[in-house]
Structures are given as structure tokens and as C-alpha cells.
Amino acid sequence: MVARLQHPYLLLALTVLFWSGNMVLGRAIREQVPPLSLAFWRWAIALALVLPLALPHLRAQWPLLRRGWRPVLILGLLGVAGYNTLAYVALTYTAATNAVLLNSFIPIATIALSWAFLKKHLRGIEWLGVLLSFIGVTTIICRGDPQTLARLSLNIGDLWMLAAVFTWALYTIGLQWRPVGVDPMLLLAAFTVVGLLALAPAYAWEVAQGRTIHVSASSLAGIAYTGVFPGFLGYVFYNRAVGEVGASKASLFIHLMPVFGTILAAIFLAEVPQGYHYLGIALIFSGIYLTTAAPRQVKSS
């Protein structure tokens, strides 16, 4: 039984389930927990959990960490302070279903930014995949109505979520410059410390504006979930699975987010998927398939 629970694909599926639940929960408790408060306490909990695993490596690996302080600083700002905070802000305005569907645009955003900043060459079929996914995202944020763009009435939450998506894409690209030889748990702790230092003044500002946590069993349970499951266990599971199956296979599992997220939103938030959701996800998946399958086709020929 224990061996089954350690299977890499099961760990990846659980990770994406945790991340999907994070989106749904962020939407569900938006009236009780402001977005900056949720982001701050999520990572405070995650840091408390990861420190016992990180500290044993600190003394031996501190020189490596110190030499790589620049990428640690940037990645901490993007991956910890940036992505989830923007996502939580988005969830105060847009449905959880929309958030997880837009989140599935991450692989395409990463490819596009890799081309722009790293001059990665894209084949024709990959460009087609990027175009299809872009149309899928546009379908979602326009609620299936092209006239929405003409009326300039886009949901601000969808735009916040797209900002989160591109923040994570930049973080993903930046990971290639992370300090080599640093234990993953120590690296996560370093990223989290940077992120918390950046979030602290923003959190203080939010409190000063009178936006405080409405303490209740549901709000505290929600905050605990974000810290323990997507914040801590999700990273531990994902890291272990990547070590076994490789980053390319592991990254494909993010495409399960729209499936899990839509189901969870329908169950817990009564968000009934609309036709444009299905059309958008079909276009996004088509684009993802083209961009991820193309390299394998080239290799096999």
C-alpha cells in the first residue's frame, strides 16, 4: 500500500489535485480571507513545515546558496510572492472554473516567453499550438462572446489570472539559473523566505486598509489547507516525482488542473460549466497537444 502511494504518477496527480483545490478554496473563502492575507499565511505555514527538512542542509550548502543569491531573490519574488498572490487577487473577481482553465495556459505561455527571451526556435506546428491555446484563453475571458473585446468589458479577475500565469511562466524559465547542488527543500525554504519578506509589507497594507481575516473554523481550515497541501505537500510530491520521471513528463500533469478544478468548482461552489468553458478547454488542450507532441514526432522520424 505504501509503495502505491509513492508511485510518481500518483504523486503528480495528487499535486495537481491540491493545486486545483487551492483555486477553488481561494474563491470560496474570498469574503473571509483577503488575498494578501491568504498568500502570506499560506507561505508562513509552508515555511514552518519545510524548515525541519531544510535546516540540516543549511550549513554545508550555505556557500552555494549565497553565491546564487540573485536567482534565489528573483525566483522567490516570482514563484512565492508573485504567482499565488496574483491568483488569489484574481479569485476575488472571477470564478474558480475560469481560473483553473486559464492556468492551463501556463505551458504555452512558457514556450512563448522562452522564444521571446531565450530565442528558442519554434516549429510551425508549435506556433499553431500557441495560436490555438491563445484562442482558447480568449474564448474563456470573453465568455464565449467576441463582442466582449469590442465592448472592453473583460472580467478584471481573468486579467489578474493571466498576469499570474505569465509570472509562473517566467519563474519556470528562471529555474534553469537556480543554484546547482542546493537541496530542493533548502531551496524552497530560501524562496519562501524571500517571498514572505516581500509579502509582509503588502499584507500590512491590506490590514491597514481594514481588510482583515474573519476568523472562523472555515477560514482557518482554508488557510491551513493552502499551507499544508498545495504549499508544502504539493511541492514535496512534485519534486520527488520529477526526480523519478523527469521534468518533461511531470509538467504534462498540469493539464489535469482544468479537469479537477472544474469538477471541484461544480461540487463545492455550484459553478456550472458553460459551453464556452468546454470550447476554451478543447482549444487549449489542442494547442498543448500540438506543442508537446511535435518534438516527439520529430525525434521518431
Protein backbone atom coordinates (compact mmCIF):
# COMPACT_ATOMS: atom_id res chain seq x y z
CA MET A 1 0.00 0.00 0.00
CA VAL A 2 2.82 2.39 0.91
CA ALA A 3 4.58 1.60 -2.36
CA ARG A 4 1.46 2.53 -4.29
CA LEU A 5 1.24 5.87 -2.50
CA GLN A 6 4.82 6.59 -3.58
CA HIS A 7 4.14 5.96 -7.28
CA PRO A 8 5.35 9.08 -9.15
CA TYR A 9 2.26 9.42 -11.31
CA LEU A 10 0.00 9.18 -8.26
CA LEU A 11 2.11 11.84 -6.54
CA LEU A 12 1.78 14.08 -9.59
CA ALA A 13 -1.96 13.57 -9.78
CA LEU A 14 -2.30 14.41 -6.07
CA THR A 15 -0.14 17.51 -6.55
CA VAL A 16 -2.37 18.84 -9.32
CA LEU A 17 -5.46 17.97 -7.26
CA PHE A 18 -4.02 20.03 -4.38
CA TRP A 19 -3.31 22.95 -6.73
CA SER A 20 -6.82 22.76 -8.19
CA GLY A 21 -8.30 22.71 -4.71
CA ASN A 22 -6.23 25.80 -3.94
CA MET A 23 -8.00 27.70 -6.72
CA VAL A 24 -11.45 26.57 -5.64
CA LEU A 25 -10.74 27.30 -1.98
CA GLY A 26 -9.30 30.73 -2.75
CA ARG A 27 -12.61 31.55 -4.42
CA ALA A 28 -14.73 30.01 -1.66
CA ILE A 29 -13.18 31.96 1.24
CA ARG A 30 -12.62 35.24 -0.59
CA GLU A 31 -15.13 37.03 1.66
CA GLN A 32 -13.46 35.75 4.84
CA VAL A 33 -9.76 35.90 3.94
CA PRO A 34 -8.38 38.80 1.83
CA PRO A 35 -5.97 37.72 -0.95
CA LEU A 36 -2.75 39.14 0.52
CA SER A 37 -3.53 37.67 3.93
CA LEU A 38 -4.14 34.27 2.35
CA ALA A 39 -0.90 34.42 0.38
CA PHE A 40 1.13 35.47 3.44
CA TRP A 41 -0.20 32.84 5.83
CA ARG A 42 -0.12 30.10 3.21
CA TRP A 43 3.63 30.55 2.84
CA ALA A 44 4.21 31.11 6.55
CA ILE A 45 2.69 27.68 7.19
CA ALA A 46 4.66 26.13 4.34
CA LEU A 47 7.90 27.62 5.70
CA ALA A 48 7.21 26.20 9.16
CA LEU A 49 6.75 22.76 7.60
CA VAL A 50 9.75 22.87 5.28
CA LEU A 51 12.29 24.27 7.75
CA PRO A 52 12.90 20.95 9.58
CA LEU A 53 13.77 19.41 6.20
CA ALA A 54 15.86 22.38 5.05
CA LEU A 55 17.93 23.34 8.09
CA PRO A 56 20.08 20.17 8.17
CA HIS A 57 21.46 21.19 4.74
CA LEU A 58 21.97 24.88 5.52
CA ARG A 59 25.48 24.78 6.98
CA ALA A 60 27.02 22.63 4.25
CA GLN A 61 25.22 24.31 1.34
CA TRP A 62 25.22 27.93 2.52
CA PRO A 63 28.16 28.89 0.23
CA LEU A 64 26.24 27.60 -2.81
CA LEU A 65 23.10 29.43 -1.72
CA ARG A 66 24.99 32.67 -1.07
CA ARG A 67 26.70 32.59 -4.48
CA GLY A 68 23.33 32.10 -6.15
CA TRP A 69 21.52 34.86 -4.25
CA ARG A 70 20.39 36.70 -7.38
CA PRO A 71 18.34 33.86 -8.91
CA VAL A 72 17.07 32.94 -5.42
CA LEU A 73 15.84 36.51 -4.97
CA ILE A 74 14.16 36.69 -8.38
CA LEU A 75 12.63 33.21 -8.19
CA GLY A 76 11.35 33.85 -4.67
CA LEU A 77 9.67 37.04 -5.82
CA LEU A 78 8.10 35.37 -8.86
CA GLY A 79 7.20 31.92 -7.56
CA VAL A 80 6.25 32.71 -3.96
CA ALA A 81 5.38 36.40 -3.66
CA GLY A 82 4.04 36.77 -7.20
CA TYR A 83 2.12 33.86 -8.67
CA ASN A 84 -0.16 32.82 -5.83
CA THR A 85 -0.82 36.39 -4.71
CA LEU A 86 -1.95 37.37 -8.20
CA ALA A 87 -4.07 34.20 -8.39
CA TYR A 88 -5.77 34.94 -5.07
CA VAL A 89 -6.49 38.51 -6.19
CA ALA A 90 -7.95 37.10 -9.42
CA LEU A 91 -10.21 34.75 -7.47
CA THR A 92 -11.90 37.69 -5.74
CA TYR A 93 -13.25 38.71 -9.16
CA THR A 94 -13.52 35.63 -11.35
CA ALA A 95 -14.90 32.11 -10.99
CA ALA A 96 -12.63 29.27 -9.90
CA THR A 97 -13.53 27.43 -13.10
CA ASN A 98 -12.15 30.28 -15.18
CA ALA A 99 -9.01 30.46 -13.03
CA VAL A 100 -8.06 26.80 -13.46
CA LEU A 101 -8.82 26.88 -17.17
CA LEU A 102 -6.66 29.94 -17.66
CA ASN A 103 -3.97 28.29 -15.53
CA SER A 104 -3.70 25.52 -18.12
CA PHE A 105 -2.28 28.18 -20.43
CA ILE A 106 0.99 28.05 -18.44
CA PRO A 107 2.82 25.57 -20.72
CA ILE A 108 2.03 27.69 -23.77
CA ALA A 109 3.00 30.92 -22.01
CA THR A 110 6.28 29.31 -21.02
CA ILE A 111 7.02 28.32 -24.61
CA ALA A 112 6.17 31.80 -25.88
CA LEU A 113 8.39 33.50 -23.30
CA SER A 114 11.20 31.02 -23.98
CA TRP A 115 11.06 32.05 -27.62
CA ALA A 116 10.99 35.76 -26.75
CA PHE A 117 13.75 35.79 -24.12
CA LEU A 118 15.84 32.69 -24.84
CA LYS A 119 15.43 32.67 -28.64
CA LYS A 120 14.07 29.14 -28.54
CA HIS A 121 13.13 28.07 -32.07
CA LEU A 122 9.51 27.05 -32.58
CA ARG A 123 8.40 24.77 -35.39
CA GLY A 124 5.32 25.59 -37.45
CA ILE A 125 3.14 23.10 -35.60
CA GLU A 126 4.24 24.59 -32.27
CA TRP A 127 3.22 28.05 -33.46
CA LEU A 128 -0.16 26.57 -34.40
CA GLY A 129 -0.43 25.14 -30.90
CA VAL A 130 0.35 28.52 -29.34
CA LEU A 131 -2.29 30.15 -31.56
CA LEU A 132 -4.97 27.58 -30.68
CA SER A 133 -4.31 27.93 -26.97
CA PHE A 134 -4.41 31.71 -27.25
CA ILE A 135 -7.79 31.48 -28.96
CA GLY A 136 -8.93 29.13 -26.18
CA VAL A 137 -7.88 31.59 -23.49
CA THR A 138 -9.57 34.42 -25.36
CA THR A 139 -12.74 32.35 -25.57
CA ILE A 140 -12.76 31.94 -21.79
CA ILE A 141 -12.07 35.54 -20.84
CA CYS A 142 -14.63 36.76 -23.41
CA ARG A 143 -17.23 34.36 -22.01
CA GLY A 144 -17.65 32.95 -25.50
CA ASP A 145 -18.76 36.33 -26.86
CA PRO A 146 -16.28 38.00 -29.26
CA GLN A 147 -18.19 41.28 -28.85
CA THR A 148 -16.81 41.45 -25.30
CA LEU A 149 -13.46 42.62 -26.67
CA ALA A 150 -15.17 45.36 -28.67
CA ARG A 151 -17.09 46.50 -25.58
CA LEU A 152 -13.91 46.38 -23.44
CA SER A 153 -15.83 44.61 -20.68
CA LEU A 154 -13.37 41.87 -19.82
CA ASN A 155 -13.55 40.45 -16.31
CA ILE A 156 -10.68 42.04 -14.37
CA GLY A 157 -10.20 38.77 -12.50
CA ASP A 158 -9.33 36.96 -15.72
CA LEU A 159 -6.67 39.57 -16.45
CA TRP A 160 -5.20 39.16 -12.96
CA MET A 161 -5.12 35.39 -13.57
CA LEU A 162 -3.32 35.85 -16.87
CA ALA A 163 -0.76 38.00 -15.05
CA ALA A 164 -0.33 35.12 -12.60
CA VAL A 165 0.12 32.68 -15.47
CA PHE A 166 2.90 34.72 -17.07
CA THR A 167 4.53 35.23 -13.67
CA TRP A 168 4.70 31.45 -13.22
CA ALA A 169 5.98 31.04 -16.78
CA LEU A 170 8.82 33.47 -16.00
CA TYR A 171 9.51 31.55 -12.79
CA THR A 172 9.65 28.28 -14.74
CA ILE A 173 12.10 29.73 -17.24
CA GLY A 174 14.18 31.19 -14.42
CA LEU A 175 14.56 27.83 -12.69
CA GLN A 176 17.37 26.94 -15.09
CA TRP A 177 19.52 29.51 -13.25
CA ARG A 178 18.78 28.23 -9.74
CA PRO A 179 21.86 27.38 -7.65
CA VAL A 180 23.15 23.94 -8.59
CA GLY A 181 23.74 21.45 -5.79
CA VAL A 182 21.35 23.02 -3.28
CA ASP A 183 18.90 20.58 -1.67
CA PRO A 184 15.36 21.15 -3.02
CA MET A 185 13.93 21.65 0.48
CA LEU A 186 16.58 24.25 1.33
CA LEU A 187 15.90 25.97 -1.98
CA LEU A 188 12.15 26.02 -1.27
CA ALA A 189 12.84 27.49 2.17
CA ALA A 190 15.04 30.20 0.62
CA PHE A 191 12.40 31.05 -1.99
CA THR A 192 9.75 31.17 0.73
CA VAL A 193 11.77 33.49 2.98
CA VAL A 194 12.24 35.90 0.05
CA GLY A 195 8.57 35.71 -0.81
CA LEU A 196 7.43 36.30 2.77
CA LEU A 197 9.73 39.32 3.14
CA ALA A 198 8.14 40.79 0.00
CA LEU A 199 4.60 39.90 1.08
CA ALA A 200 4.93 41.27 4.63
CA PRO A 201 4.56 45.00 3.76
CA ALA A 202 1.75 44.22 1.30
CA TYR A 203 -0.02 42.18 3.99
CA ALA A 204 0.46 45.01 6.50
CA TRP A 205 -1.00 47.49 3.98
CA GLU A 206 -4.05 45.26 3.45
CA VAL A 207 -4.64 45.08 7.22
CA ALA A 208 -4.23 48.86 7.49
CA GLN A 209 -6.99 49.20 4.90
CA GLY A 210 -9.31 47.36 7.27
CA ARG A 211 -9.29 44.13 5.25
CA THR A 212 -8.68 41.55 7.94
CA ILE A 213 -9.33 37.84 8.28
CA HIS A 214 -12.77 36.93 9.58
CA VAL A 215 -11.69 34.24 12.00
CA SER A 216 -13.87 31.15 11.83
CA ALA A 217 -13.47 27.41 11.58
CA SER A 218 -13.87 27.55 7.80
CA SER A 219 -11.40 30.40 7.25
CA LEU A 220 -8.74 28.83 9.48
CA ALA A 221 -9.24 25.43 7.85
CA GLY A 222 -8.94 27.05 4.43
CA ILE A 223 -5.70 28.82 5.32
CA ALA A 224 -4.30 25.60 6.80
CA TYR A 225 -5.19 23.71 3.61
CA THR A 226 -3.35 26.17 1.36
CA GLY A 227 -0.22 25.95 3.51
CA VAL A 228 -0.14 22.20 4.08
CA PHE A 229 -1.34 20.76 0.78
CA PRO A 230 -0.58 22.99 -2.25
CA GLY A 231 2.08 24.98 -0.39
CA PHE A 232 4.09 22.16 1.21
CA LEU A 233 3.00 18.64 0.24
CA GLY A 234 2.37 19.64 -3.37
CA TYR A 235 5.98 20.79 -3.73
CA VAL A 236 7.40 17.74 -1.93
CA PHE A 237 5.34 15.33 -4.05
CA TYR A 238 6.12 17.16 -7.26
CA ASN A 239 9.83 17.32 -6.53
CA ARG A 240 10.05 13.61 -5.76
CA ALA A 241 8.07 12.65 -8.86
CA VAL A 242 10.18 14.87 -11.13
CA GLY A 243 13.27 13.08 -9.84
CA GLU A 244 11.79 9.75 -10.98
CA VAL A 245 10.03 10.52 -14.27
CA GLY A 246 11.74 13.72 -15.41
CA ALA A 247 10.53 17.29 -15.75
CA SER A 248 9.01 16.89 -19.23
CA LYS A 249 6.62 14.11 -18.23
CA ALA A 250 5.83 15.70 -14.88
CA SER A 251 4.93 19.07 -16.44
CA LEU A 252 2.23 17.43 -18.54
CA PHE A 253 0.21 16.72 -15.40
CA ILE A 254 -0.62 20.42 -15.00
CA HIS A 255 -3.10 19.82 -17.80
CA LEU A 256 -5.26 17.94 -15.29
CA MET A 257 -5.99 21.20 -13.48
CA PRO A 258 -8.96 22.19 -15.66
CA VAL A 259 -10.46 18.74 -15.13
CA PHE A 260 -10.01 18.70 -11.35
CA GLY A 261 -10.79 22.40 -10.97
CA THR A 262 -14.00 22.32 -12.96
CA ILE A 263 -15.22 19.26 -11.05
CA LEU A 264 -14.34 20.74 -7.65
CA ALA A 265 -15.91 24.10 -8.53
CA ALA A 266 -19.10 22.36 -9.64
CA ILE A 267 -19.25 20.31 -6.41
CA PHE A 268 -18.28 22.93 -3.83
CA LEU A 269 -19.14 26.25 -5.47
CA ALA A 270 -22.08 25.22 -7.65
CA GLU A 271 -20.31 26.74 -10.67
CA VAL A 272 -21.99 25.06 -13.61
CA PRO A 273 -19.62 24.86 -16.61
CA GLN A 274 -20.88 26.73 -19.66
CA GLY A 275 -20.44 25.95 -23.32
CA TYR A 276 -17.60 28.44 -23.70
CA HIS A 277 -15.70 26.64 -20.92
CA TYR A 278 -15.79 23.39 -22.89
CA LEU A 279 -14.82 25.16 -26.12
CA GLY A 280 -11.99 27.01 -24.41
CA ILE A 281 -10.58 23.91 -22.75
CA ALA A 282 -10.79 21.96 -26.02
CA LEU A 283 -8.80 24.64 -27.83
CA ILE A 284 -6.25 24.91 -25.00
CA PHE A 285 -5.75 21.13 -24.91
CA SER A 286 -5.43 21.02 -28.70
CA GLY A 287 -2.73 23.65 -28.56
CA ILE A 288 -0.96 21.88 -25.70
CA TYR A 289 -1.05 18.59 -27.58
CA LEU A 290 0.47 20.13 -30.69
CA THR A 291 3.25 21.88 -28.79
CA THR A 292 4.15 18.88 -26.63
CA ALA A 293 3.73 16.16 -29.25
CA ALA A 294 5.66 17.91 -32.02
CA PRO A 295 9.17 17.30 -30.60
CA ARG A 296 8.42 13.60 -30.10
CA GLN A 297 7.26 13.32 -33.69
CA VAL A 298 10.49 14.91 -34.90
CA LYS A 299 12.59 12.52 -32.85
CA SER A 300 10.81 9.45 -34.11
CA SER A 301 11.17 10.36 -37.76
